């Protein structure tokens, strides 16, 4: 299993397609998402579908750096539209597992694959470069506070 990582950044958007705003801390609400985020409010782009794992999205900072190095895509943190950017942990290994972020317990549900909607919002083609590398989707099992710098660690063996 993975070694504990850390939260490198947290982003929320108040509406579908709205600007991602960097915050140093956020409140995670069990069964909903991050307080103030479009998906917790039920007004995200995919909210009408209500799939498992739409409560929280995470991406590895290392993958965003890879996009710049290998594909010349310079995306600032938050541009991928994921809520939590991590460092030092392989997120795919958390799919099907319980994990903790700060005081919050989550379960990894599935990969958060990129879509053409993201290409349109960014005004550049990132879909192909991000396939199987765009992070994961998670459910929030028990809520609480998360902050930049908090550990991200698996709970299941």
N, C-alpha and C. Protein backbone atom coordinates (compact mmCIF):
# COMPACT_ATOMS: atom_id res chain seq x y z
N UNK A 1 0.84 -1.18 0.00
CA UNK A 1 0.00 0.00 0.00
C UNK A 1 0.88 1.24 0.00
N UNK A 2 0.30 2.34 -0.38
CA UNK A 2 1.00 3.61 -0.50
C UNK A 2 1.49 4.13 0.84
N UNK A 3 2.50 4.95 0.77
CA UNK A 3 2.94 5.70 1.93
C UNK A 3 2.07 6.95 2.04
N UNK A 4 1.91 7.50 3.24
CA UNK A 4 1.10 8.71 3.38
C UNK A 4 1.64 9.85 2.52
N UNK A 5 0.73 10.58 1.93
CA UNK A 5 1.08 11.76 1.17
C UNK A 5 0.59 12.99 1.92
N UNK A 6 0.50 14.10 1.22
CA UNK A 6 0.05 15.36 1.81
C UNK A 6 -0.86 16.10 0.83
N UNK A 7 -1.72 16.94 1.38
CA UNK A 7 -2.52 17.84 0.56
C UNK A 7 -1.62 18.99 0.13
N UNK A 8 -1.50 19.18 -1.18
CA UNK A 8 -0.71 20.29 -1.71
C UNK A 8 -1.58 21.52 -1.99
N UNK A 9 -2.87 21.29 -2.31
CA UNK A 9 -3.78 22.40 -2.61
C UNK A 9 -5.22 21.91 -2.50
N UNK A 10 -6.12 22.85 -2.23
CA UNK A 10 -7.56 22.58 -2.18
C UNK A 10 -8.24 23.64 -3.04
N UNK A 11 -9.18 23.20 -3.89
CA UNK A 11 -9.91 24.12 -4.75
C UNK A 11 -11.40 23.81 -4.73
N UNK A 12 -12.20 24.84 -4.78
CA UNK A 12 -13.65 24.68 -4.91
C UNK A 12 -14.14 25.67 -5.97
N UNK A 13 -15.28 25.34 -6.57
CA UNK A 13 -15.95 26.25 -7.51
C UNK A 13 -17.39 26.36 -7.04
N UNK A 14 -17.91 27.56 -6.98
CA UNK A 14 -19.25 27.76 -6.44
C UNK A 14 -20.36 27.40 -7.42
N UNK A 15 -20.00 27.23 -8.72
CA UNK A 15 -21.01 26.88 -9.72
C UNK A 15 -20.37 26.09 -10.84
N UNK A 16 -21.20 25.39 -11.61
CA UNK A 16 -20.72 24.60 -12.74
C UNK A 16 -19.96 25.51 -13.72
N UNK A 17 -18.76 25.11 -14.06
CA UNK A 17 -17.94 25.89 -15.00
C UNK A 17 -17.31 27.13 -14.38
N UNK A 18 -17.62 27.40 -13.12
CA UNK A 18 -17.08 28.58 -12.45
C UNK A 18 -15.60 28.42 -12.13
N UNK A 19 -14.98 29.54 -11.84
CA UNK A 19 -13.55 29.54 -11.51
C UNK A 19 -13.29 28.70 -10.27
N UNK A 20 -12.20 27.93 -10.33
CA UNK A 20 -11.77 27.17 -9.16
C UNK A 20 -11.01 28.13 -8.25
N UNK A 21 -11.42 28.18 -7.00
CA UNK A 21 -10.83 29.09 -6.03
C UNK A 21 -9.98 28.29 -5.06
N UNK A 22 -8.75 28.72 -4.87
CA UNK A 22 -7.84 28.07 -3.94
C UNK A 22 -8.19 28.48 -2.52
N UNK A 23 -8.29 27.47 -1.64
CA UNK A 23 -8.53 27.72 -0.22
C UNK A 23 -7.51 26.94 0.59
N UNK A 24 -7.17 27.43 1.78
CA UNK A 24 -6.20 26.72 2.62
C UNK A 24 -6.86 25.65 3.47
N UNK A 25 -8.18 25.75 3.64
CA UNK A 25 -8.91 24.76 4.42
C UNK A 25 -10.34 24.69 3.90
N UNK A 26 -10.96 23.53 4.11
CA UNK A 26 -12.35 23.36 3.69
C UNK A 26 -13.03 22.39 4.65
N UNK A 27 -14.33 22.49 4.70
CA UNK A 27 -15.13 21.57 5.50
C UNK A 27 -15.73 20.53 4.56
N UNK A 28 -15.43 19.26 4.85
CA UNK A 28 -15.98 18.15 4.07
C UNK A 28 -17.23 17.65 4.78
N UNK A 29 -18.34 17.57 4.05
CA UNK A 29 -19.62 17.15 4.61
C UNK A 29 -19.91 15.73 4.10
N UNK A 30 -20.07 14.80 5.04
CA UNK A 30 -20.34 13.40 4.68
C UNK A 30 -21.55 13.31 3.76
N UNK A 31 -21.40 12.56 2.68
CA UNK A 31 -22.48 12.35 1.74
C UNK A 31 -22.73 13.48 0.77
N UNK A 32 -22.00 14.61 0.90
CA UNK A 32 -22.25 15.77 0.03
C UNK A 32 -21.02 16.23 -0.75
N UNK A 33 -19.97 16.59 -0.04
CA UNK A 33 -18.78 17.15 -0.69
C UNK A 33 -18.18 18.26 0.16
N UNK A 34 -17.40 19.11 -0.49
CA UNK A 34 -16.78 20.23 0.22
C UNK A 34 -17.76 21.39 0.30
N UNK A 35 -17.93 21.92 1.50
CA UNK A 35 -18.84 23.04 1.72
C UNK A 35 -18.49 24.17 0.75
N UNK A 36 -19.51 24.67 0.03
CA UNK A 36 -19.32 25.76 -0.91
C UNK A 36 -18.99 25.31 -2.32
N UNK A 37 -18.70 24.02 -2.52
CA UNK A 37 -18.36 23.54 -3.86
C UNK A 37 -19.64 23.20 -4.64
N UNK A 38 -19.56 23.32 -5.95
CA UNK A 38 -20.71 23.10 -6.81
C UNK A 38 -21.34 21.72 -6.64
N UNK A 39 -20.53 20.70 -6.40
CA UNK A 39 -21.09 19.35 -6.26
C UNK A 39 -21.78 19.15 -4.92
N UNK A 40 -21.30 19.77 -3.88
CA UNK A 40 -21.98 19.71 -2.58
C UNK A 40 -23.32 20.44 -2.68
N UNK A 41 -23.38 21.48 -3.51
CA UNK A 41 -24.62 22.23 -3.70
C UNK A 41 -25.57 21.55 -4.69
N UNK A 42 -25.06 20.54 -5.40
CA UNK A 42 -25.89 19.85 -6.40
C UNK A 42 -26.04 20.61 -7.69
N UNK A 43 -25.08 21.52 -7.98
CA UNK A 43 -25.18 22.32 -9.20
C UNK A 43 -23.92 22.20 -10.08
N UNK A 44 -23.18 21.11 -9.91
CA UNK A 44 -22.03 20.86 -10.76
C UNK A 44 -22.48 20.40 -12.14
N UNK A 45 -21.57 20.40 -13.09
CA UNK A 45 -21.87 20.03 -14.47
C UNK A 45 -22.51 18.64 -14.56
N UNK A 46 -22.05 17.70 -13.75
CA UNK A 46 -22.56 16.33 -13.78
C UNK A 46 -23.54 16.04 -12.64
N UNK A 47 -24.00 17.05 -11.92
CA UNK A 47 -24.85 16.84 -10.74
C UNK A 47 -26.14 16.08 -11.03
N UNK A 48 -26.72 16.28 -12.19
CA UNK A 48 -28.01 15.62 -12.48
C UNK A 48 -27.86 14.11 -12.56
N UNK A 49 -26.66 13.62 -12.82
CA UNK A 49 -26.43 12.17 -12.93
C UNK A 49 -26.31 11.53 -11.55
N UNK A 50 -25.72 12.22 -10.59
CA UNK A 50 -25.52 11.76 -9.21
C UNK A 50 -24.93 10.35 -9.15
N UNK A 51 -23.69 10.24 -9.59
CA UNK A 51 -22.98 8.97 -9.54
C UNK A 51 -22.21 8.85 -8.23
N UNK A 52 -21.91 7.64 -7.84
CA UNK A 52 -21.05 7.42 -6.67
C UNK A 52 -19.68 8.03 -6.97
N UNK A 53 -19.13 8.71 -6.00
CA UNK A 53 -17.80 9.29 -6.15
C UNK A 53 -17.79 10.74 -6.59
N UNK A 54 -18.94 11.35 -6.72
CA UNK A 54 -18.96 12.75 -7.15
C UNK A 54 -18.79 13.74 -6.01
N UNK A 55 -18.56 13.25 -4.79
CA UNK A 55 -18.45 14.14 -3.64
C UNK A 55 -17.10 14.83 -3.54
N UNK A 56 -16.03 14.14 -3.94
CA UNK A 56 -14.69 14.68 -3.80
C UNK A 56 -13.81 14.15 -4.91
N UNK A 57 -13.03 15.04 -5.52
CA UNK A 57 -12.09 14.62 -6.56
C UNK A 57 -10.68 14.98 -6.13
N UNK A 58 -9.74 14.10 -6.47
CA UNK A 58 -8.34 14.29 -6.09
C UNK A 58 -7.44 14.04 -7.30
N UNK A 59 -6.33 14.74 -7.38
CA UNK A 59 -5.34 14.52 -8.43
C UNK A 59 -3.95 14.65 -7.83
N UNK A 60 -3.01 13.92 -8.41
CA UNK A 60 -1.62 13.97 -7.94
C UNK A 60 -0.91 15.16 -8.58
N UNK A 61 -0.25 15.96 -7.77
CA UNK A 61 0.55 17.08 -8.25
C UNK A 61 1.60 16.60 -9.24
N UNK A 62 2.13 15.41 -9.00
CA UNK A 62 3.16 14.85 -9.87
C UNK A 62 2.64 14.65 -11.30
N UNK A 63 1.34 14.33 -11.44
CA UNK A 63 0.76 14.16 -12.78
C UNK A 63 0.61 15.49 -13.50
N UNK A 64 0.27 16.53 -12.77
CA UNK A 64 0.18 17.86 -13.37
C UNK A 64 1.57 18.31 -13.84
N UNK A 65 2.59 18.02 -13.05
CA UNK A 65 3.97 18.33 -13.44
C UNK A 65 4.37 17.53 -14.68
N UNK A 66 3.93 16.26 -14.76
CA UNK A 66 4.23 15.43 -15.93
C UNK A 66 3.62 16.02 -17.19
N UNK A 67 2.41 16.57 -17.07
CA UNK A 67 1.78 17.21 -18.22
C UNK A 67 2.65 18.33 -18.78
N UNK A 68 3.23 19.10 -17.90
CA UNK A 68 4.09 20.19 -18.34
C UNK A 68 5.36 19.64 -18.99
N UNK A 69 6.00 18.67 -18.33
CA UNK A 69 7.28 18.14 -18.83
C UNK A 69 7.14 17.36 -20.13
N UNK A 70 6.11 16.51 -20.22
CA UNK A 70 5.99 15.62 -21.38
C UNK A 70 5.11 16.15 -22.50
N UNK A 71 4.17 17.03 -22.16
CA UNK A 71 3.21 17.48 -23.16
C UNK A 71 3.19 19.00 -23.35
N UNK A 72 4.01 19.71 -22.60
CA UNK A 72 4.06 21.16 -22.72
C UNK A 72 2.79 21.86 -22.24
N UNK A 73 1.99 21.17 -21.44
CA UNK A 73 0.76 21.75 -20.91
C UNK A 73 1.02 22.33 -19.53
N UNK A 74 1.04 23.63 -19.45
CA UNK A 74 1.32 24.29 -18.19
C UNK A 74 0.00 24.66 -17.51
N UNK A 75 -0.43 23.79 -16.60
CA UNK A 75 -1.69 24.00 -15.90
C UNK A 75 -1.42 24.37 -14.45
N UNK A 76 -1.91 25.52 -14.02
CA UNK A 76 -1.76 25.86 -12.60
C UNK A 76 -2.60 24.92 -11.76
N UNK A 77 -2.25 24.77 -10.49
CA UNK A 77 -3.06 23.95 -9.58
C UNK A 77 -4.51 24.43 -9.64
N UNK A 78 -5.41 23.48 -9.67
CA UNK A 78 -6.83 23.80 -9.74
C UNK A 78 -7.38 23.80 -11.15
N UNK A 79 -6.53 23.96 -12.15
CA UNK A 79 -7.01 24.01 -13.52
C UNK A 79 -7.63 22.68 -13.96
N UNK A 80 -7.21 21.58 -13.36
CA UNK A 80 -7.78 20.28 -13.70
C UNK A 80 -9.18 20.10 -13.13
N UNK A 81 -9.64 21.06 -12.32
CA UNK A 81 -10.97 21.08 -11.72
C UNK A 81 -11.16 20.01 -10.66
N UNK A 82 -10.06 19.51 -10.10
CA UNK A 82 -10.14 18.56 -8.99
C UNK A 82 -10.10 19.34 -7.70
N UNK A 83 -10.79 18.84 -6.67
CA UNK A 83 -10.86 19.54 -5.39
C UNK A 83 -9.55 19.52 -4.62
N UNK A 84 -8.91 18.37 -4.58
CA UNK A 84 -7.72 18.20 -3.75
C UNK A 84 -6.54 17.77 -4.63
N UNK A 85 -5.45 18.50 -4.52
CA UNK A 85 -4.20 18.13 -5.18
C UNK A 85 -3.30 17.54 -4.11
N UNK A 86 -2.78 16.33 -4.38
CA UNK A 86 -1.95 15.64 -3.40
C UNK A 86 -0.51 15.57 -3.87
N UNK A 87 0.36 15.25 -2.93
CA UNK A 87 1.78 15.00 -3.23
C UNK A 87 2.21 13.78 -2.45
N UNK A 88 2.95 12.90 -3.12
CA UNK A 88 3.58 11.79 -2.42
C UNK A 88 2.73 10.57 -2.18
N UNK A 89 1.60 10.44 -2.89
CA UNK A 89 0.77 9.24 -2.73
C UNK A 89 0.17 8.87 -4.09
N UNK A 90 0.15 7.58 -4.38
CA UNK A 90 -0.45 7.08 -5.62
C UNK A 90 -1.95 6.91 -5.38
N UNK A 91 -2.72 7.77 -5.97
CA UNK A 91 -4.16 7.80 -5.71
C UNK A 91 -4.89 6.57 -6.24
N UNK A 92 -4.46 6.01 -7.36
CA UNK A 92 -5.12 4.82 -7.90
C UNK A 92 -5.15 3.69 -6.87
N UNK A 93 -4.16 3.65 -6.01
CA UNK A 93 -4.09 2.60 -4.99
C UNK A 93 -5.18 2.77 -3.91
N UNK A 94 -5.84 3.93 -3.90
CA UNK A 94 -6.89 4.18 -2.91
C UNK A 94 -8.28 3.79 -3.42
N UNK A 95 -8.39 3.42 -4.69
CA UNK A 95 -9.69 3.00 -5.24
C UNK A 95 -10.12 1.71 -4.55
N UNK A 96 -11.33 1.73 -4.02
CA UNK A 96 -11.86 0.59 -3.28
C UNK A 96 -11.37 0.52 -1.84
N UNK A 97 -10.65 1.54 -1.40
CA UNK A 97 -10.07 1.56 -0.06
C UNK A 97 -10.59 2.77 0.73
N UNK A 98 -10.57 2.62 2.04
CA UNK A 98 -10.84 3.76 2.91
C UNK A 98 -9.53 4.51 3.12
N UNK A 99 -9.62 5.83 3.17
CA UNK A 99 -8.44 6.65 3.45
C UNK A 99 -8.85 7.89 4.21
N UNK A 100 -7.86 8.49 4.84
CA UNK A 100 -8.10 9.69 5.64
C UNK A 100 -7.37 10.87 5.02
N UNK A 101 -8.07 12.00 5.03
CA UNK A 101 -7.49 13.29 4.65
C UNK A 101 -7.76 14.19 5.84
N UNK A 102 -6.71 14.59 6.55
CA UNK A 102 -6.93 15.37 7.76
C UNK A 102 -7.80 14.55 8.70
N UNK A 103 -8.92 15.13 9.15
CA UNK A 103 -9.83 14.40 10.05
C UNK A 103 -10.97 13.72 9.30
N UNK A 104 -10.94 13.73 7.99
CA UNK A 104 -12.02 13.23 7.14
C UNK A 104 -11.73 11.81 6.66
N UNK A 105 -12.73 10.93 6.76
CA UNK A 105 -12.59 9.58 6.22
C UNK A 105 -13.34 9.50 4.89
N UNK A 106 -12.66 8.95 3.89
CA UNK A 106 -13.22 8.81 2.55
C UNK A 106 -13.06 7.38 2.07
N UNK A 107 -13.72 7.06 0.97
CA UNK A 107 -13.49 5.80 0.28
C UNK A 107 -13.29 6.14 -1.20
N UNK A 108 -12.22 5.60 -1.77
CA UNK A 108 -11.95 5.80 -3.19
C UNK A 108 -12.93 4.99 -4.02
N UNK A 109 -13.58 5.62 -5.01
CA UNK A 109 -14.62 4.96 -5.78
C UNK A 109 -14.13 4.54 -7.16
N UNK A 110 -13.56 5.47 -7.91
CA UNK A 110 -13.12 5.17 -9.28
C UNK A 110 -12.21 6.28 -9.77
N UNK A 111 -11.59 6.03 -10.91
CA UNK A 111 -10.78 7.06 -11.54
C UNK A 111 -11.67 8.22 -11.97
N UNK A 112 -11.10 9.39 -11.95
CA UNK A 112 -11.78 10.61 -12.39
C UNK A 112 -11.23 10.94 -13.78
N UNK A 113 -11.75 10.24 -14.78
CA UNK A 113 -11.23 10.40 -16.14
C UNK A 113 -11.57 11.79 -16.70
N UNK A 114 -10.70 12.30 -17.55
CA UNK A 114 -10.95 13.61 -18.16
C UNK A 114 -12.06 13.52 -19.21
N UNK A 115 -12.58 14.65 -19.61
CA UNK A 115 -13.64 14.69 -20.61
C UNK A 115 -13.46 15.91 -21.52
N UNK A 116 -14.22 15.92 -22.59
CA UNK A 116 -14.12 17.05 -23.51
C UNK A 116 -14.60 18.35 -22.87
N UNK A 117 -15.46 18.25 -21.86
CA UNK A 117 -15.90 19.44 -21.13
C UNK A 117 -14.69 20.16 -20.53
N UNK A 118 -13.74 19.40 -19.97
CA UNK A 118 -12.52 19.98 -19.40
C UNK A 118 -11.70 20.66 -20.49
N UNK A 119 -11.54 20.00 -21.65
CA UNK A 119 -10.83 20.62 -22.78
C UNK A 119 -11.44 21.99 -23.10
N UNK A 120 -12.77 22.04 -23.15
CA UNK A 120 -13.47 23.29 -23.49
C UNK A 120 -13.25 24.38 -22.45
N UNK A 121 -13.30 24.02 -21.18
CA UNK A 121 -13.10 25.02 -20.13
C UNK A 121 -11.67 25.56 -20.14
N UNK A 122 -10.71 24.67 -20.44
CA UNK A 122 -9.30 25.08 -20.43
C UNK A 122 -8.86 25.74 -21.74
N UNK A 123 -9.61 25.49 -22.80
CA UNK A 123 -9.22 26.02 -24.10
C UNK A 123 -7.98 25.35 -24.66
N UNK A 124 -7.70 24.14 -24.20
CA UNK A 124 -6.59 23.36 -24.72
C UNK A 124 -6.90 21.88 -24.57
N UNK A 125 -6.27 21.07 -25.38
CA UNK A 125 -6.54 19.64 -25.37
C UNK A 125 -5.69 18.94 -24.32
N UNK A 126 -6.36 18.47 -23.26
CA UNK A 126 -5.67 17.75 -22.19
C UNK A 126 -6.18 16.33 -22.04
N UNK A 127 -7.31 16.04 -22.70
CA UNK A 127 -7.98 14.77 -22.52
C UNK A 127 -7.04 13.59 -22.74
N UNK A 128 -6.40 13.51 -23.88
CA UNK A 128 -5.54 12.36 -24.18
C UNK A 128 -4.39 12.22 -23.19
N UNK A 129 -3.78 13.34 -22.82
CA UNK A 129 -2.64 13.31 -21.90
C UNK A 129 -3.04 12.90 -20.48
N UNK A 130 -4.31 13.11 -20.13
CA UNK A 130 -4.77 12.81 -18.78
C UNK A 130 -5.48 11.46 -18.61
N UNK A 131 -5.72 10.74 -19.70
CA UNK A 131 -6.41 9.46 -19.59
C UNK A 131 -5.68 8.56 -18.59
N UNK A 132 -6.40 8.01 -17.63
CA UNK A 132 -5.91 7.16 -16.55
C UNK A 132 -4.91 7.86 -15.62
N UNK A 133 -4.83 9.19 -15.69
CA UNK A 133 -3.89 9.95 -14.87
C UNK A 133 -4.53 11.19 -14.25
N UNK A 134 -5.84 11.30 -14.37
CA UNK A 134 -6.53 12.53 -13.96
C UNK A 134 -7.05 12.47 -12.53
N UNK A 135 -6.62 11.48 -11.75
CA UNK A 135 -7.00 11.42 -10.35
C UNK A 135 -8.12 10.44 -10.08
N UNK A 136 -8.72 10.59 -8.90
CA UNK A 136 -9.79 9.68 -8.48
C UNK A 136 -10.99 10.45 -7.94
N UNK A 137 -12.10 9.73 -7.86
CA UNK A 137 -13.32 10.24 -7.24
C UNK A 137 -13.51 9.50 -5.93
N UNK A 138 -14.01 10.19 -4.93
CA UNK A 138 -14.19 9.58 -3.61
C UNK A 138 -15.50 10.02 -2.98
N UNK A 139 -15.98 9.18 -2.07
CA UNK A 139 -17.13 9.49 -1.24
C UNK A 139 -16.61 9.90 0.13
N UNK A 140 -17.28 10.85 0.75
CA UNK A 140 -16.92 11.29 2.09
C UNK A 140 -17.77 10.51 3.09
N UNK A 141 -17.12 9.66 3.87
CA UNK A 141 -17.80 8.78 4.82
C UNK A 141 -18.06 9.51 6.13
N UNK A 142 -17.06 10.20 6.64
CA UNK A 142 -17.23 11.02 7.84
C UNK A 142 -16.59 12.36 7.59
N UNK A 143 -17.34 13.40 7.85
CA UNK A 143 -16.91 14.76 7.53
C UNK A 143 -15.95 15.33 8.56
N UNK A 144 -15.51 16.54 8.28
CA UNK A 144 -14.59 17.25 9.14
C UNK A 144 -13.84 18.29 8.35
N UNK A 145 -12.72 18.68 8.86
CA UNK A 145 -11.92 19.73 8.23
C UNK A 145 -10.72 19.13 7.50
N UNK A 146 -10.39 19.71 6.35
CA UNK A 146 -9.14 19.38 5.66
C UNK A 146 -8.39 20.68 5.41
N UNK A 147 -7.08 20.60 5.47
CA UNK A 147 -6.24 21.78 5.27
C UNK A 147 -5.02 21.42 4.42
N UNK A 148 -4.53 22.40 3.70
CA UNK A 148 -3.28 22.21 2.96
C UNK A 148 -2.21 21.76 3.95
N UNK A 149 -1.48 20.73 3.58
CA UNK A 149 -0.44 20.17 4.44
C UNK A 149 -0.89 18.96 5.22
N UNK A 150 -2.21 18.72 5.31
CA UNK A 150 -2.71 17.54 6.03
C UNK A 150 -2.24 16.27 5.34
N UNK A 151 -2.07 15.20 6.14
CA UNK A 151 -1.70 13.91 5.54
C UNK A 151 -2.86 13.28 4.79
N UNK A 152 -2.52 12.52 3.77
CA UNK A 152 -3.47 11.69 3.03
C UNK A 152 -2.94 10.28 3.20
N UNK A 153 -3.69 9.44 3.92
CA UNK A 153 -3.16 8.12 4.26
C UNK A 153 -4.22 7.03 4.16
N UNK A 154 -3.82 5.88 3.64
CA UNK A 154 -4.74 4.75 3.54
C UNK A 154 -5.09 4.23 4.94
N UNK A 155 -6.32 3.72 5.09
CA UNK A 155 -6.75 3.13 6.35
C UNK A 155 -6.87 1.62 6.25
N UNK A 156 -7.15 1.12 5.05
CA UNK A 156 -7.30 -0.32 4.85
C UNK A 156 -5.95 -0.93 4.51
N UNK A 157 -5.77 -2.17 4.91
CA UNK A 157 -4.54 -2.90 4.57
C UNK A 157 -4.74 -3.71 3.33
